[in-house]
C-alpha cells in the first residue's frame, strides 16, 4: 500500500508498505519529500494500531528538545514489557549509531520508553532513536525535524502575510539591494553626499555637547584670564596631560594655576609645579582629589601673585616683620646651644623697658614696685612708720648723733669692766670719760647704726649679689615667696613646661623651686623647657 499526503509543513509525504494483520506489529515503508526533489524512504512500525513512525513538526536543534515516546521494549521469551535496563542509541541521517546522551524514562503502567534527547541529538534533518535491551525486541522512532518548529524561527509560505512579526531574517532572496544616496526618500544632499552631511551633523553635535554637557546649556568663561585651555589627553592623581597642540616650552606654566572647568574632576584648581613641553604633562603641586582623564576640560589661568619656585615656595631675602613666627623645638634647641644667643637673651632681659611688663603677678611689676619706693636712705624716720616697725624704732631711739653719745662713758652698775686690746686707748681697763679717736683693730661691731656705704661700696655689693652662688645661703623654702633668688632661677636653672604648668627647679636641676600656670597656643610649636649646662 502506498499513501501520498501533505505534512503540516507543506511538504508531500508518500507512504507504502504491507501490513500483516495476524501479527501484533505491522511494518510500513514511508517516504518523505527530500531536499532538491524526490523522496527518501524509512521504515516505521505500527503496534496495536498505534503509529510508531515519524513525529511531525519536531523542532531542530532546540535548546530544550521535546521528549520522544519510542514505544515498549518486549521480552522475547515471555512477552513482558520492560520497565528498566533499557538503553537508547541515536543515529543521524547518513551517520552511525552512538549512545544517546539524553534521559530514558518509562511511562507509568504502560512502561512505554520515553527519551529526552540532548540538543546535539536533534541537530539533523532527520534522526532515529532506538530503544533496546538484551533478549528483547528493540523499538525505533525516526524523527524528521523542521526549523519552523524551533522557538524563534518563522518560515513563511509564498503568500501574502498581513501583520506578521518576523523576529530574525536569516536569508532574504528576491529583493533589490539599495546602494548610494536615497534621493527619492531623503532628497538631494547639501554636500557631496548624504554620508558627508551626516558626518557634518555629528561634528556639530559633538561641539554642542562640549558646550552644553549633559545637564543643559552651561555658560563657562573658558577663555577668561587663561593662556591655555582645551580637552585633556589623559590625567593622573598628580598630573594632567594637556592637549596635543599645547606649547612645547618646558616649565612654561610653572607657578600658574590650572582649573578643570568641565568633565571628570570638574571644579578643582591646582598650582603647576612642572611642565614637560614634549609630553604635554603638567605636574601639579598638590594631588587632585579626583584624577582627571581624557574627558576633562582645563584652562591654565594667569596668576599675578609673587614669584614662586618649582615647589610653589616664595623665597624672601629679608623679612623685618617677624609677627606670628615661632621657633620649632628643634630650632630652639639648636639656638640654645650658642653662647651668642644666650648672651643676647640675657642682654635683652636687662635692657627691656619695664613699662610693657606690668601684668599682675609678673616679675616686671614686682621690680617696678620695688624701684618706685625710691632710695630707702632718703626716707625720713620715724615719719609715717607705725609702732613696732623698723622705721619707727630707728626714728624714735636713734635720735641724736652717735658722737654725742660717746663723748663720755660711765660704766653702769653691775656691768663687767670693758676690756680693749692693748695700746688702743690710754686706759685699757675702764672707760669713764674721754673720746675714742682712732680704732686700729676693731674685730666685731654689732651696731652699724649711722654707718653709710660709699659709691664704690655699692658697686662691690652689687657685684657680690650678682655673683652669689644661689646654692649657698638659706632658702625661704616656700614656692610662693617671690624673691630675687626665685626670679634668677628661671633664667639660670633648669625649667620645663608640662601641659599648662611651668616648673622651675633649684640649683640641683631636680628639686622644684616654684611653679606657675602658663597659657598655650595649640597652633604654635612652643619652647617647652630649658636645661642649661
Protein backbone atom coordinates (compact mmCIF):
# COMPACT_ATOMS: atom_id res chain seq x y z
CA UNK A 1 0.00 0.00 0.00
CA UNK A 2 1.27 3.50 -0.82
CA UNK A 3 -0.06 6.78 0.52
CA UNK A 4 0.90 10.28 -0.51
CA UNK A 5 -0.08 13.04 1.90
CA UNK A 6 0.86 16.59 2.79
CA UNK A 7 2.67 17.25 6.02
CA UNK A 8 1.93 20.19 8.34
CA UNK A 9 4.99 21.95 6.99
CA UNK A 10 3.65 21.87 3.44
CA UNK A 11 5.87 19.00 2.21
CA UNK A 12 4.45 15.93 0.49
CA UNK A 13 4.98 12.56 2.10
CA UNK A 14 4.31 9.18 0.40
CA UNK A 15 3.69 6.04 2.42
CA UNK A 16 3.69 2.47 1.13
CA UNK A 17 4.04 -0.89 2.66
CA UNK A 18 2.42 -4.18 3.65
CA UNK A 19 0.53 -4.95 6.80
CA UNK A 20 0.34 -8.31 8.49
CA UNK A 21 -2.97 -8.26 10.30
CA UNK A 22 -2.31 -11.61 12.04
CA UNK A 23 0.68 -10.02 13.78
CA UNK A 24 0.63 -7.60 16.70
CA UNK A 25 3.05 -5.42 14.72
CA UNK A 26 2.77 -4.05 11.19
CA UNK A 27 5.71 -2.81 9.21
CA UNK A 28 5.37 0.15 6.85
CA UNK A 29 7.70 1.82 4.45
CA UNK A 30 7.20 5.56 4.30
CA UNK A 31 8.78 8.17 2.13
CA UNK A 32 9.09 11.90 2.64
CA UNK A 33 9.98 14.62 0.21
CA UNK A 34 13.71 15.11 0.10
CA UNK A 35 15.56 18.41 -0.37
CA UNK A 36 16.12 19.10 -4.08
CA UNK A 37 13.23 16.90 -5.18
CA UNK A 38 12.28 13.23 -4.96
CA UNK A 39 11.54 11.15 -1.85
CA UNK A 40 13.51 9.24 0.69
CA UNK A 41 12.30 6.12 2.47
CA UNK A 42 12.34 4.92 6.03
CA UNK A 43 10.64 2.06 7.86
CA UNK A 44 8.29 2.54 10.73
CA UNK A 45 6.45 0.07 12.91
CA UNK A 46 2.83 0.03 13.97
CA UNK A 47 1.99 -1.73 17.19
CA UNK A 48 -1.61 -2.44 18.20
CA UNK A 49 -2.89 0.31 15.94
CA UNK A 50 -0.51 2.98 17.37
CA UNK A 51 1.70 4.60 14.75
CA UNK A 52 5.29 4.48 15.88
CA UNK A 53 6.82 6.31 12.96
CA UNK A 54 7.80 9.86 12.20
CA UNK A 55 6.95 12.70 14.53
CA UNK A 56 5.68 15.64 12.57
CA UNK A 57 6.99 19.21 13.17
CA UNK A 58 9.76 18.22 15.59
CA UNK A 59 11.97 21.26 16.31
CA UNK A 60 15.52 21.14 15.00
CA UNK A 61 18.44 21.95 17.34
CA UNK A 62 16.14 23.29 20.06
CA UNK A 63 17.72 24.28 23.37
CA UNK A 64 15.27 22.01 25.25
CA UNK A 65 14.01 19.33 22.80
CA UNK A 66 10.60 17.70 23.43
CA UNK A 67 10.56 14.18 24.90
CA UNK A 68 10.09 11.33 22.32
CA UNK A 69 7.81 8.33 23.07
CA UNK A 70 9.79 5.50 21.42
CA UNK A 71 7.50 2.57 22.39
CA UNK A 72 7.51 -0.57 24.54
CA UNK A 73 10.52 -2.91 24.65
CA UNK A 74 9.21 -6.56 24.91
CA UNK A 75 10.98 -9.62 26.30
CA UNK A 76 11.16 -12.27 23.54
CA UNK A 77 10.82 -15.26 25.90
CA UNK A 78 7.67 -14.23 27.76
CA UNK A 79 6.41 -11.04 26.05
CA UNK A 80 6.88 -8.95 29.21
CA UNK A 81 7.11 -5.19 28.67
CA UNK A 82 10.38 -3.90 30.15
CA UNK A 83 10.39 -1.11 32.76
CA UNK A 84 14.11 -0.90 33.46
CA UNK A 85 17.53 -1.52 31.94
CA UNK A 86 16.61 -0.14 28.51
CA UNK A 87 19.26 1.79 26.56
CA UNK A 88 18.87 4.24 23.66
CA UNK A 89 21.07 4.86 20.64
CA UNK A 90 20.77 7.78 18.22
CA UNK A 91 21.56 7.52 14.54
CA UNK A 92 21.53 10.72 12.46
CA UNK A 93 20.57 10.50 8.82
CA UNK A 94 23.57 9.21 6.88
CA UNK A 95 25.54 8.67 10.08
CA UNK A 96 26.31 5.89 12.55
CA UNK A 97 24.68 4.93 15.80
CA UNK A 98 26.02 6.40 19.03
CA UNK A 99 24.83 6.10 22.59
CA UNK A 100 22.18 8.69 23.32
CA UNK A 101 23.25 11.46 25.67
CA UNK A 102 19.68 12.16 26.84
CA UNK A 103 17.49 10.75 29.61
CA UNK A 104 15.48 7.47 29.47
CA UNK A 105 12.22 7.17 31.43
CA UNK A 106 9.18 4.86 31.50
CA UNK A 107 5.53 5.73 31.11
CA UNK A 108 3.53 4.66 34.14
CA UNK A 109 1.54 1.41 33.80
CA UNK A 110 2.22 1.12 30.05
CA UNK A 111 6.01 1.17 30.57
CA UNK A 112 6.43 2.91 27.21
CA UNK A 113 10.06 4.02 26.84
CA UNK A 114 10.46 7.83 26.71
CA UNK A 115 13.64 9.59 25.64
CA UNK A 116 14.52 13.22 26.29
CA UNK A 117 17.31 13.91 23.73
CA UNK A 118 20.08 16.45 24.02
CA UNK A 119 20.21 19.48 21.75
CA UNK A 120 23.07 17.87 19.80
CA UNK A 121 20.92 14.75 19.19
CA UNK A 122 18.36 16.87 17.27
CA UNK A 123 20.66 18.98 15.12
CA UNK A 124 19.94 16.95 11.99
CA UNK A 125 17.37 16.96 9.20
CA UNK A 126 16.28 13.51 10.44
CA UNK A 127 17.49 11.06 13.09
CA UNK A 128 16.43 7.69 14.50
CA UNK A 129 16.20 6.78 18.17
CA UNK A 130 16.21 3.05 19.07
CA UNK A 131 15.37 1.59 22.50
CA UNK A 132 16.90 -1.86 23.12
CA UNK A 133 17.71 -4.44 25.77
CA UNK A 134 19.35 -7.85 25.57
CA UNK A 135 16.81 -10.65 24.86
CA UNK A 136 14.16 -8.13 23.83
CA UNK A 137 12.64 -6.79 20.63
CA UNK A 138 14.02 -3.27 20.02
CA UNK A 139 11.74 -0.41 19.03
CA UNK A 140 12.64 2.69 17.00
CA UNK A 141 11.31 6.10 16.05
CA UNK A 142 12.58 8.12 13.08
CA UNK A 143 12.28 11.83 13.64
CA UNK A 144 12.16 14.39 10.82
CA UNK A 145 12.99 17.89 12.12
CA UNK A 146 11.97 21.27 10.84
CA UNK A 147 13.42 24.67 11.73
CA UNK A 148 9.93 26.21 11.67
CA UNK A 149 9.09 24.33 14.84
CA UNK A 150 12.11 25.73 16.69
CA UNK A 151 11.31 28.59 19.06
CA UNK A 152 12.19 31.97 17.49
CA UNK A 153 12.21 30.73 13.85
CA UNK A 154 9.50 31.53 11.29
CA UNK A 155 9.20 30.02 7.78
CA UNK A 156 6.72 31.86 5.60
CA UNK A 157 4.92 30.32 2.67
CA UNK A 158 4.92 32.11 -0.66
CA UNK A 159 1.74 34.03 0.07
CA UNK A 160 0.93 37.50 1.35
CA UNK A 161 1.18 37.81 5.15
CA UNK A 162 -0.58 40.62 6.90
CA UNK A 163 0.62 41.89 10.30
CA UNK A 164 3.22 39.14 10.54
CA UNK A 165 6.06 39.70 13.03
CA UNK A 166 9.40 38.41 11.78
CA UNK A 167 11.96 38.44 14.61
CA UNK A 168 15.00 37.37 12.57
CA UNK A 169 15.59 37.08 8.79
CA UNK A 170 18.45 34.68 8.16
CA UNK A 171 18.15 34.50 4.35
CA UNK A 172 16.45 37.10 2.18
CA UNK A 173 16.12 36.46 -1.54
CA UNK A 174 14.33 38.21 -4.35
CA UNK A 175 14.95 41.78 -3.19
CA UNK A 176 16.91 44.60 -4.80
CA UNK A 177 19.88 45.85 -2.76
CA UNK A 178 19.83 49.61 -2.14
CA UNK A 179 23.12 51.46 -2.70
CA UNK A 180 24.18 55.11 -2.86
CA UNK A 181 22.19 58.08 -1.53
CA UNK A 182 18.43 57.61 -1.36
CA UNK A 183 17.41 60.78 -3.28
CA UNK A 184 13.80 59.69 -3.53
CA UNK A 185 13.42 59.42 0.25
CA UNK A 186 15.95 61.94 1.60
CA UNK A 187 16.25 64.46 -1.18
CA UNK A 188 19.43 65.77 -2.74
CA UNK A 189 22.29 66.18 -0.22
CA UNK A 190 23.60 69.65 0.65
CA UNK A 191 27.17 68.45 0.40
CA UNK A 192 28.94 65.86 -1.67
CA UNK A 193 26.71 63.07 -0.36
CA UNK A 194 24.21 62.21 2.36
CA UNK A 195 27.00 60.49 4.31
CA UNK A 196 29.02 63.73 4.19
CA UNK A 197 26.02 65.64 5.55
CA UNK A 198 25.64 63.11 8.37
CA UNK A 199 29.33 63.44 9.24
CA UNK A 200 28.96 67.23 9.43
CA UNK A 201 25.95 66.88 11.73
CA UNK A 202 27.92 64.53 14.01
CA UNK A 203 30.78 67.03 14.21
CA UNK A 204 28.41 69.86 15.07
CA UNK A 205 26.66 67.68 17.67
CA UNK A 206 29.98 66.87 19.35
CA UNK A 207 30.78 70.58 19.62
CA UNK A 208 27.32 71.27 21.08
CA UNK A 209 27.84 68.54 23.70
CA UNK A 210 31.14 70.11 24.72
CA UNK A 211 29.40 73.44 25.30
CA UNK A 212 26.23 72.15 26.94
CA UNK A 213 27.26 68.94 28.70
CA UNK A 214 24.53 66.56 29.80
CA UNK A 215 22.65 68.97 32.10
CA UNK A 216 21.70 71.61 29.53
CA UNK A 217 23.44 74.80 28.48
CA UNK A 218 26.22 75.80 30.88
CA UNK A 219 27.85 79.18 30.35
CA UNK A 220 31.55 78.96 31.21
CA UNK A 221 34.04 81.78 30.76
CA UNK A 222 36.59 79.32 29.46
CA UNK A 223 38.87 81.92 27.94
CA UNK A 224 38.70 84.44 30.81
CA UNK A 225 42.18 85.06 32.24
CA UNK A 226 43.57 81.91 30.65
CA UNK A 227 46.59 81.40 28.42
CA UNK A 228 45.95 77.75 27.51
CA UNK A 229 42.79 75.63 27.50
CA UNK A 230 41.29 72.56 25.90
CA UNK A 231 40.41 68.90 26.38
CA UNK A 232 42.98 66.84 28.27
CA UNK A 233 44.57 63.82 26.65
CA UNK A 234 44.92 61.96 29.95
CA UNK A 235 45.43 62.52 33.64
CA UNK A 236 46.73 61.01 36.87
CA UNK A 237 46.42 61.72 40.58
CA UNK A 238 49.31 64.19 40.43
CA UNK A 239 49.30 65.45 36.83
CA UNK A 240 47.26 66.25 33.71
CA UNK A 241 48.25 65.83 30.06
CA UNK A 242 47.32 68.95 28.09
CA UNK A 243 46.00 68.87 24.53
CA UNK A 244 48.38 67.75 21.77
CA UNK A 245 48.66 71.31 20.40
CA UNK A 246 49.76 72.78 23.77
CA UNK A 247 53.07 74.75 23.76
CA UNK A 248 56.35 72.81 23.67
CA UNK A 249 58.37 75.07 26.01
CA UNK A 250 59.40 73.27 29.21
CA UNK A 251 58.25 74.80 32.53
CA UNK A 252 56.30 77.46 30.62
CA UNK A 253 53.41 77.25 33.11
CA UNK A 254 55.32 76.74 36.36
CA UNK A 255 53.69 78.89 39.06
CA UNK A 256 50.43 79.26 37.10
CA UNK A 257 47.08 77.87 38.19
CA UNK A 258 45.24 75.17 36.24
CA UNK A 259 41.49 74.65 36.64
CA UNK A 260 39.33 71.74 35.43
CA UNK A 261 36.16 73.55 34.40
CA UNK A 262 34.20 70.63 32.86
CA UNK A 263 34.19 66.84 32.73
CA UNK A 264 35.99 64.49 35.11
CA UNK A 265 37.32 66.33 38.17
CA UNK A 266 35.36 69.49 37.39
CA UNK A 267 35.80 72.34 39.90
CA UNK A 268 39.40 71.60 41.01
CA UNK A 269 42.22 74.15 40.86
CA UNK A 270 45.90 73.39 41.47
CA UNK A 271 49.27 75.11 41.03
CA UNK A 272 51.60 73.84 38.30
CA UNK A 273 55.00 72.80 39.66
CA UNK A 274 56.45 71.34 36.43
CA UNK A 275 55.58 71.28 32.71
CA UNK A 276 57.10 68.99 30.07
CA UNK A 277 56.67 70.55 26.65
CA UNK A 278 57.38 67.27 24.86
CA UNK A 279 54.85 65.08 26.66
CA UNK A 280 52.46 67.98 27.50
CA UNK A 281 52.32 66.66 31.08
CA UNK A 282 51.72 69.34 33.69
CA UNK A 283 52.61 68.20 37.23
CA UNK A 284 50.54 69.79 40.00
CA UNK A 285 51.95 70.85 43.38
CA UNK A 286 49.21 69.02 45.28
CA UNK A 287 47.42 65.84 44.18
CA UNK A 288 43.93 66.03 42.69
CA UNK A 289 41.02 64.84 44.80
CA UNK A 290 39.52 63.33 41.60
CA UNK A 291 42.14 62.46 38.98
CA UNK A 292 41.39 63.99 35.52
CA UNK A 293 41.19 61.92 32.35
CA UNK A 294 40.53 62.31 28.62
CA UNK A 295 37.04 63.66 29.42
CA UNK A 296 38.40 66.61 31.44
CA UNK A 297 38.42 70.20 30.11
CA UNK A 298 41.01 72.54 31.59
CA UNK A 299 42.28 76.10 31.45
CA UNK A 300 45.67 77.46 32.56
CA UNK A 301 44.95 80.78 34.27
CA UNK A 302 47.12 83.87 34.58
CA UNK A 303 48.25 84.38 38.15
CA UNK A 304 49.94 87.68 39.04
CA UNK A 305 50.94 86.67 42.58
CA UNK A 306 54.50 86.56 43.96
CA UNK A 307 57.19 84.70 42.06
CA UNK A 308 57.48 81.08 43.16
CA UNK A 309 59.87 78.23 42.50
CA UNK A 310 59.01 74.74 41.23
CA UNK A 311 57.75 73.75 44.69
CA UNK A 312 55.45 76.81 44.70
CA UNK A 313 57.51 78.32 47.55
CA UNK A 314 58.25 82.04 47.86
CA UNK A 315 61.88 83.00 48.65
CA UNK A 316 62.23 86.06 50.93
CA UNK A 317 65.71 87.56 51.33
CA UNK A 318 64.87 89.86 54.29
CA UNK A 319 61.79 89.97 56.49
CA UNK A 320 61.74 92.72 59.10
CA UNK A 321 58.33 91.81 60.46
CA UNK A 322 58.53 88.57 62.45
CA UNK A 323 54.97 88.83 63.76
CA UNK A 324 53.40 85.41 64.03
CA UNK A 325 56.68 83.49 63.71
CA UNK A 326 57.62 80.85 66.27
CA UNK A 327 60.67 78.67 66.81
CA UNK A 328 60.26 74.96 66.42
CA UNK A 329 61.52 72.72 69.21
CA UNK A 330 64.46 71.68 67.05
CA UNK A 331 65.31 75.29 66.17
CA UNK A 332 65.16 76.42 69.79
CA UNK A 333 67.46 73.60 70.90
CA UNK A 334 69.97 74.48 68.22
CA UNK A 335 69.96 78.19 69.05
CA UNK A 336 70.08 77.49 72.78
CA UNK A 337 73.50 75.87 72.42
CA UNK A 338 75.05 79.07 71.03
CA UNK A 339 76.71 81.32 73.60
CA UNK A 340 75.93 84.39 71.48
CA UNK A 341 72.23 83.61 71.62
CA UNK A 342 72.34 83.12 75.41
CA UNK A 343 74.17 86.43 75.86
CA UNK A 344 71.65 88.15 73.60
CA UNK A 345 68.76 86.84 75.69
CA UNK A 346 70.41 87.99 78.93
CA UNK A 347 71.12 91.45 77.49
CA UNK A 348 67.61 91.67 76.15
CA UNK A 349 66.10 90.88 79.55
CA UNK A 350 68.16 93.50 81.42
CA UNK A 351 67.70 96.15 78.71
CA UNK A 352 63.98 95.61 78.20
CA UNK A 353 61.79 98.58 79.20
CA UNK A 354 59.82 97.53 82.26
CA UNK A 355 56.79 99.65 81.33
CA UNK A 356 55.47 96.94 78.99
CA UNK A 357 55.69 94.14 81.56
CA UNK A 358 53.46 95.24 84.42
CA UNK A 359 50.83 92.47 84.36
CA UNK A 360 49.51 91.40 87.75
CA UNK A 361 51.82 88.87 89.36
CA UNK A 362 54.66 89.40 86.90
CA UNK A 363 58.32 89.88 87.79
CA UNK A 364 58.24 93.18 85.94
CA UNK A 365 55.50 94.51 88.24
CA UNK A 366 57.42 93.39 91.34
CA UNK A 367 60.61 95.05 90.18
CA UNK A 368 58.76 98.22 89.18
CA UNK A 369 57.03 98.41 92.56
CA UNK A 370 60.35 97.99 94.39
CA UNK A 371 62.01 100.65 92.27
CA UNK A 372 59.20 103.17 92.73
CA UNK A 373 59.81 103.21 96.51
CA UNK A 374 62.97 105.25 95.92
CA UNK A 375 66.18 105.28 97.97
CA UNK A 376 65.35 103.96 101.47
CA UNK A 377 68.20 106.01 102.97
CA UNK A 378 66.45 109.22 101.98
CA UNK A 379 63.21 108.36 103.77
CA UNK A 380 62.57 110.33 106.98
CA UNK A 381 62.08 108.26 110.14
CA UNK A 382 60.02 107.65 112.06
CA UNK A 383 57.81 109.54 109.64
CA UNK A 384 54.63 107.58 109.00
CA UNK A 385 56.06 104.28 110.17
CA UNK A 386 53.81 102.61 112.72
CA UNK A 387 54.73 101.34 116.14
CA UNK A 388 56.86 98.22 116.02
CA UNK A 389 58.22 98.88 112.55
CA UNK A 390 61.90 99.29 111.91
CA UNK A 391 61.38 102.86 110.80
CA UNK A 392 59.52 103.69 113.97
CA UNK A 393 62.13 102.13 116.24
CA UNK A 394 65.06 103.76 114.47
CA UNK A 395 63.38 107.13 114.33
CA UNK A 396 62.48 107.22 117.97
CA UNK A 397 65.56 105.65 119.50
CA UNK A 398 68.40 106.84 117.30
CA UNK A 399 67.54 110.49 117.78
CA UNK A 400 70.98 112.03 118.08
CA UNK A 401 74.49 111.78 116.65
CA UNK A 402 76.48 108.78 117.79
CA UNK A 403 79.41 111.05 118.56
CA UNK A 404 77.31 112.86 121.12
CA UNK A 405 76.61 109.64 122.89
CA UNK A 406 80.27 108.56 123.02
CA UNK A 407 81.76 111.78 124.39
CA UNK A 408 81.77 110.21 127.87
CA UNK A 409 81.17 106.70 129.08
CA UNK A 410 80.14 105.67 132.57
CA UNK A 411 80.28 102.03 133.47
CA UNK A 412 76.77 101.00 134.52
CA UNK A 413 76.45 99.43 137.93
CA UNK A 414 76.81 95.66 137.77
CA UNK A 415 78.43 95.65 134.32
CA UNK A 416 81.74 93.99 133.78
CA UNK A 417 84.61 96.21 133.01
CA UNK A 418 85.11 96.90 129.33
CA UNK A 419 88.35 95.43 128.04
CA UNK A 420 90.11 96.76 124.97
CA UNK A 421 93.16 95.50 123.14
CA UNK A 422 96.47 96.68 124.48
CA UNK A 423 97.65 100.00 123.10
CA UNK A 424 94.35 101.12 121.64
CA UNK A 425 93.49 103.61 124.35
CA UNK A 426 95.29 105.18 127.29
CA UNK A 427 93.23 103.36 129.85
CA UNK A 428 92.96 99.69 128.96
CA UNK A 429 90.79 98.78 131.87
CA UNK A 430 87.91 101.13 132.37
CA UNK A 431 86.36 103.82 130.20
CA UNK A 432 84.99 106.52 132.46
CA UNK A 433 85.47 109.54 130.27
CA UNK A 434 87.15 110.65 127.07
CA UNK A 435 86.84 110.26 123.33
CA UNK A 436 87.76 107.31 121.10
CA UNK A 437 89.53 108.91 118.18
CA UNK A 438 91.19 106.02 116.42
CA UNK A 439 90.46 102.31 116.27
CA UNK A 440 93.32 100.24 114.95
CA UNK A 441 91.85 96.74 115.23
CA UNK A 442 88.07 96.60 115.72
CA UNK A 443 87.25 92.92 115.34
CA UNK A 444 83.45 92.99 115.67
CA UNK A 445 80.97 95.83 115.71
CA UNK A 446 77.41 94.63 116.12
CA UNK A 447 75.91 98.12 115.96
CA UNK A 448 76.21 99.60 112.47
CA UNK A 449 73.84 102.46 113.20
CA UNK A 450 74.87 105.61 111.41
CA UNK A 451 77.22 103.92 109.01
CA UNK A 452 76.86 104.67 105.27
CA UNK A 453 78.28 102.96 102.16
CA UNK A 454 80.21 104.83 99.55
CA UNK A 455 79.55 104.55 95.80
CA UNK A 456 82.43 102.15 95.49
CA UNK A 457 80.90 100.07 98.28
CA UNK A 458 77.59 99.96 96.32
CA UNK A 459 79.37 98.59 93.26
CA UNK A 460 81.17 95.95 95.29
CA UNK A 461 77.89 94.88 96.93
CA UNK A 462 76.02 94.68 93.60
CA UNK A 463 78.81 92.63 92.07
CA UNK A 464 78.80 90.31 95.04
CA UNK A 465 75.00 89.89 94.77
CA UNK A 466 75.11 89.08 91.06
CA UNK A 467 78.00 86.65 91.51
CA UNK A 468 76.46 84.98 94.57
CA UNK A 469 76.21 81.17 94.33
CA UNK A 470 72.46 80.62 94.79
CA UNK A 471 73.12 77.13 96.11
CA UNK A 472 74.51 78.68 99.31
CA UNK A 473 72.62 80.67 101.92
CA UNK A 474 69.21 79.99 103.38
CA UNK A 475 66.20 79.35 101.14
CA UNK A 476 62.79 80.54 102.33
CA UNK A 477 61.55 77.11 101.35
CA UNK A 478 58.21 78.45 100.10
CA UNK A 479 57.33 78.15 96.37
CA UNK A 480 55.00 81.14 96.68
CA UNK A 481 57.52 83.69 98.12
CA UNK A 482 58.82 85.86 95.29
CA UNK A 483 62.47 86.53 95.94
CA UNK A 484 65.36 87.56 93.77
CA UNK A 485 66.64 84.01 94.12
CA UNK A 486 63.34 82.65 92.79
CA UNK A 487 63.43 85.09 89.85
CA UNK A 488 67.00 84.34 88.86
CA UNK A 489 66.38 80.58 89.00
CA UNK A 490 64.11 80.90 85.96
CA UNK A 491 66.98 82.50 83.99
CA UNK A 492 69.77 80.15 85.04
CA UNK A 493 68.35 76.84 86.27
CA UNK A 494 66.52 74.04 84.52
CA UNK A 495 62.78 74.53 83.89
CA UNK A 496 60.14 72.68 81.95
CA UNK A 497 56.54 73.07 80.78
CA UNK A 498 54.13 70.15 81.03
CA UNK A 499 50.65 70.92 79.79
CA UNK A 500 49.91 74.37 81.21
CA UNK A 501 52.26 74.07 84.23
CA UNK A 502 55.70 75.72 84.30
CA UNK A 503 58.09 74.16 86.86
CA UNK A 504 61.36 75.96 87.76
CA UNK A 505 63.95 73.80 89.53
CA UNK A 506 66.51 74.64 92.20
CA UNK A 507 70.26 74.62 91.62
CA UNK A 508 70.39 70.81 91.55
CA UNK A 509 68.11 70.96 88.43
CA UNK A 510 65.88 68.32 90.03
CA UNK A 511 64.08 69.78 93.05
CA UNK A 512 61.16 72.08 92.16
CA UNK A 513 61.53 75.66 93.39
CA UNK A 514 58.24 77.17 92.18
CA UNK A 515 55.50 76.56 89.62
CA UNK A 516 53.19 78.71 87.53
CA UNK A 517 50.27 78.26 85.16
CA UNK A 518 51.08 79.30 81.59
CA UNK A 519 48.90 79.96 78.55
CA UNK A 520 49.44 77.85 75.44
CA UNK A 521 48.76 78.21 71.73
CA UNK A 522 47.78 74.95 70.00
CA UNK A 523 48.68 76.37 66.59
CA UNK A 524 52.29 77.11 67.60
CA UNK A 525 55.20 74.82 68.43
CA UNK A 526 56.29 76.22 71.82
CA UNK A 527 59.60 76.04 73.68
CA UNK A 528 58.78 73.53 76.38
CA UNK A 529 61.94 73.53 78.50
CA UNK A 530 65.47 74.73 79.22
CA UNK A 531 68.35 72.67 80.63
CA UNK A 532 71.47 74.87 80.77
CA UNK A 533 74.90 73.34 81.35
